[in-house]
Amino acid sequence: MHIKTEADYEAALKEIEQLWGANHGSPDGDKLDVLVTLVEAYEEEHYPIPPPDPIEAILHYMENQGLSEHDLEPYFGSRLCVLEVLNRQRSLSLDMIRKLHKGLGIPADILVQPYTLQTP
């Protein structure tokens, strides 16, 4: 079993759909596990998902955790700094990235990604 072409990929997706719900440990369940693994590997190679924009990641985290801009002040230094970063008028500093990573658990590899600043 292999997935090397888009046709192989489409066929594997159809077969996964047919096998969905197969009992774990059964021959069909084992085949489903293998196909899912192969499809995931194919998708990682051919349809990579770029890392999220750092500001979008912070906003998403704030929404999910119910945080306000005020809650971010310890990580940014001041309310003004929070607003400037979230409005893309100031870049995240290395110190801010470290604090956000350590204090909120936002992955540093996301926070260090380049992003566009608003020009005045």
C-alpha atoms as a PDB file:
ATOM      1  CA  MET A   1       0.000   0.000   0.000  1.00  0.00           C
ATOM      2  CA  HIS A   2       1.356   3.425  -0.927  1.00  0.00           C
ATOM      3  CA  ILE A   3       0.183   6.913  -1.756  1.00  0.00           C
ATOM      4  CA  LYS A   4       2.360   8.562  -4.374  1.00  0.00           C
ATOM      5  CA  THR A   5      -0.105  10.407  -6.599  1.00  0.00           C
ATOM      6  CA  GLU A   6      -3.201  12.525  -6.198  1.00  0.00           C
ATOM      7  CA  ALA A   7      -5.223   9.599  -7.589  1.00  0.00           C
ATOM      8  CA  ASP A   8      -3.782   7.297  -4.899  1.00  0.00           C
ATOM      9  CA  TYR A   9      -4.661   9.931  -2.302  1.00  0.00           C
ATOM     10  CA  GLU A  10      -8.271  10.253  -3.516  1.00  0.00           C
ATOM     11  CA  ALA A  11      -8.664   6.462  -3.590  1.00  0.00           C
ATOM     12  CA  ALA A  12      -7.318   6.205  -0.039  1.00  0.00           C
ATOM     13  CA  LEU A  13      -9.787   8.856   1.168  1.00  0.00           C
ATOM     14  CA  LYS A  14     -12.682   6.903  -0.380  1.00  0.00           C
ATOM     15  CA  GLU A  15     -11.492   3.691   1.225  1.00  0.00           C
ATOM     16  CA  ILE A  16     -11.142   5.422   4.615  1.00  0.00           C
ATOM     17  CA  GLU A  17     -14.721   6.629   4.277  1.00  0.00           C
ATOM     18  CA  GLN A  18     -15.883   3.050   3.644  1.00  0.00           C
ATOM     19  CA  LEU A  19     -13.859   1.658   6.552  1.00  0.00           C
ATOM     20  CA  TRP A  20     -14.787   4.415   9.004  1.00  0.00           C
ATOM     21  CA  GLY A  21     -16.147   2.933  12.213  1.00  0.00           C
ATOM     22  CA  ALA A  22     -14.382  -0.411  11.791  1.00  0.00           C
ATOM     23  CA  ASN A  23     -13.604  -2.138  15.068  1.00  0.00           C
ATOM     24  CA  HIS A  24     -10.145  -1.451  16.446  1.00  0.00           C
ATOM     25  CA  GLY A  25      -7.973  -4.543  16.100  1.00  0.00           C
ATOM     26  CA  SER A  26     -10.060  -6.074  13.337  1.00  0.00           C
ATOM     27  CA  PRO A  27      -8.557  -6.512   9.842  1.00  0.00           C
ATOM     28  CA  ASP A  28     -10.633  -3.557   8.605  1.00  0.00           C
ATOM     29  CA  GLY A  29      -9.672  -1.521  11.675  1.00  0.00           C
ATOM     30  CA  ASP A  30      -5.990  -2.242  11.069  1.00  0.00           C
ATOM     31  CA  LYS A  31      -6.334  -1.295   7.399  1.00  0.00           C
ATOM     32  CA  LEU A  32      -8.068   1.950   8.432  1.00  0.00           C
ATOM     33  CA  ASP A  33      -5.194   2.809  10.791  1.00  0.00           C
ATOM     34  CA  VAL A  34      -2.624   2.218   8.055  1.00  0.00           C
ATOM     35  CA  LEU A  35      -4.556   4.260   5.488  1.00  0.00           C
ATOM     36  CA  VAL A  36      -5.026   7.172   7.902  1.00  0.00           C
ATOM     37  CA  THR A  37      -1.291   7.173   8.636  1.00  0.00           C
ATOM     38  CA  LEU A  38      -0.440   7.139   4.925  1.00  0.00           C
ATOM     39  CA  VAL A  39      -2.934   9.929   4.146  1.00  0.00           C
ATOM     40  CA  GLU A  40      -1.563  12.082   6.984  1.00  0.00           C
ATOM     41  CA  ALA A  41       1.990  11.643   5.666  1.00  0.00           C
ATOM     42  CA  TYR A  42       0.886  12.521   2.123  1.00  0.00           C
ATOM     43  CA  GLU A  43      -0.991  15.604   3.358  1.00  0.00           C
ATOM     44  CA  GLU A  44       1.983  16.811   5.412  1.00  0.00           C
ATOM     45  CA  GLU A  45       4.184  16.623   2.334  1.00  0.00           C
ATOM     46  CA  HIS A  46       1.756  17.946  -0.296  1.00  0.00           C
ATOM     47  CA  TYR A  47      -0.575  20.193   1.687  1.00  0.00           C
ATOM     48  CA  PRO A  48       1.549  21.639   4.478  1.00  0.00           C
ATOM     49  CA  ILE A  49      -0.204  23.987   6.860  1.00  0.00           C
ATOM     50  CA  PRO A  50       1.885  27.094   7.455  1.00  0.00           C
ATOM     51  CA  PRO A  51       2.345  28.191  11.045  1.00  0.00           C
ATOM     52  CA  PRO A  52      -0.211  30.740  12.196  1.00  0.00           C
ATOM     53  CA  ASP A  53       0.493  34.437  12.245  1.00  0.00           C
ATOM     54  CA  PRO A  54       1.798  35.375  15.738  1.00  0.00           C
ATOM     55  CA  ILE A  55      -0.794  38.100  16.308  1.00  0.00           C
ATOM     56  CA  GLU A  56      -3.644  35.851  15.157  1.00  0.00           C
ATOM     57  CA  ALA A  57      -2.317  33.159  17.504  1.00  0.00           C
ATOM     58  CA  ILE A  58      -2.298  35.585  20.445  1.00  0.00           C
ATOM     59  CA  LEU A  59      -5.826  36.795  19.621  1.00  0.00           C
ATOM     60  CA  HIS A  60      -7.042  33.203  19.291  1.00  0.00           C
ATOM     61  CA  TYR A  61      -5.462  32.282  22.615  1.00  0.00           C
ATOM     62  CA  MET A  62      -7.031  35.349  24.273  1.00  0.00           C
ATOM     63  CA  GLU A  63     -10.473  34.401  22.964  1.00  0.00           C
ATOM     64  CA  ASN A  64     -10.171  30.749  23.995  1.00  0.00           C
ATOM     65  CA  GLN A  65      -8.919  31.613  27.488  1.00  0.00           C
ATOM     66  CA  GLY A  66     -11.266  34.546  28.024  1.00  0.00           C
ATOM     67  CA  LEU A  67      -8.377  36.989  28.410  1.00  0.00           C
ATOM     68  CA  SER A  68      -8.588  40.734  27.951  1.00  0.00           C
ATOM     69  CA  GLU A  69      -5.926  43.145  26.748  1.00  0.00           C
ATOM     70  CA  HIS A  70      -5.418  44.052  30.405  1.00  0.00           C
ATOM     71  CA  ASP A  71      -4.513  40.419  31.165  1.00  0.00           C
ATOM     72  CA  LEU A  72      -1.622  40.664  28.680  1.00  0.00           C
ATOM     73  CA  GLU A  73       0.031  43.695  30.304  1.00  0.00           C
ATOM     74  CA  PRO A  74       2.444  41.598  32.435  1.00  0.00           C
ATOM     75  CA  TYR A  75       3.750  39.945  29.260  1.00  0.00           C
ATOM     76  CA  PHE A  76       4.081  43.164  27.232  1.00  0.00           C
ATOM     77  CA  GLY A  77       4.981  45.724  29.874  1.00  0.00           C
ATOM     78  CA  SER A  78       2.116  48.201  29.470  1.00  0.00           C
ATOM     79  CA  ARG A  79      -1.379  48.592  28.068  1.00  0.00           C
ATOM     80  CA  LEU A  80      -0.026  50.833  25.311  1.00  0.00           C
ATOM     81  CA  CYS A  81       2.464  48.155  24.287  1.00  0.00           C
ATOM     82  CA  VAL A  82      -0.303  45.511  24.227  1.00  0.00           C
ATOM     83  CA  LEU A  83      -2.407  47.701  21.957  1.00  0.00           C
ATOM     84  CA  GLU A  84       0.510  48.537  19.658  1.00  0.00           C
ATOM     85  CA  VAL A  85       1.447  44.870  19.229  1.00  0.00           C
ATOM     86  CA  LEU A  86      -2.127  43.668  18.725  1.00  0.00           C
ATOM     87  CA  ASN A  87      -2.731  46.478  16.226  1.00  0.00           C
ATOM     88  CA  ARG A  88       0.497  45.519  14.412  1.00  0.00           C
ATOM     89  CA  GLN A  89       2.173  48.828  15.098  1.00  0.00           C
ATOM     90  CA  ARG A  90       5.012  47.249  17.110  1.00  0.00           C
ATOM     91  CA  SER A  91       6.864  43.962  16.748  1.00  0.00           C
ATOM     92  CA  LEU A  92       6.998  41.379  19.470  1.00  0.00           C
ATOM     93  CA  SER A  93      10.325  41.582  21.295  1.00  0.00           C
ATOM     94  CA  LEU A  94      12.294  38.523  22.346  1.00  0.00           C
ATOM     95  CA  ASP A  95      11.416  39.323  25.969  1.00  0.00           C
ATOM     96  CA  MET A  96       7.682  39.445  25.126  1.00  0.00           C
ATOM     97  CA  ILE A  97       7.940  36.155  23.251  1.00  0.00           C
ATOM     98  CA  ARG A  98       9.663  34.495  26.212  1.00  0.00           C
ATOM     99  CA  LYS A  99       7.052  35.799  28.645  1.00  0.00           C
ATOM    100  CA  LEU A 100       4.112  34.785  26.449  1.00  0.00           C
ATOM    101  CA  HIS A 101       5.589  31.330  25.981  1.00  0.00           C
ATOM    102  CA  LYS A 102       6.399  30.773  29.643  1.00  0.00           C
ATOM    103  CA  GLY A 103       3.352  32.463  31.118  1.00  0.00           C
ATOM    104  CA  LEU A 104       0.615  31.511  28.680  1.00  0.00           C
ATOM    105  CA  GLY A 105       2.062  28.477  26.946  1.00  0.00           C
ATOM    106  CA  ILE A 106       1.860  29.920  23.441  1.00  0.00           C
ATOM    107  CA  PRO A 107       4.466  27.999  21.407  1.00  0.00           C
ATOM    108  CA  ALA A 108       7.583  30.106  20.847  1.00  0.00           C
ATOM    109  CA  ASP A 109       7.991  28.718  17.323  1.00  0.00           C
ATOM    110  CA  ILE A 110       4.686  30.389  16.432  1.00  0.00           C
ATOM    111  CA  LEU A 111       5.518  33.674  18.139  1.00  0.00           C
ATOM    112  CA  VAL A 112       8.854  34.068  16.316  1.00  0.00           C
ATOM    113  CA  GLN A 113       7.257  33.836  12.859  1.00  0.00           C
ATOM    114  CA  PRO A 114       7.531  37.020  10.788  1.00  0.00           C
ATOM    115  CA  TYR A 115       4.404  39.078  10.332  1.00  0.00           C
ATOM    116  CA  THR A 116       3.455  42.323   8.645  1.00  0.00           C
ATOM    117  CA  LEU A 117       3.283  45.561  10.591  1.00  0.00           C
ATOM    118  CA  GLN A 118       0.832  48.333   9.764  1.00  0.00           C
ATOM    119  CA  THR A 119       2.544  51.359   8.299  1.00  0.00           C
ATOM    120  CA  PRO A 120       1.508  54.679   9.838  1.00  0.00           C
END
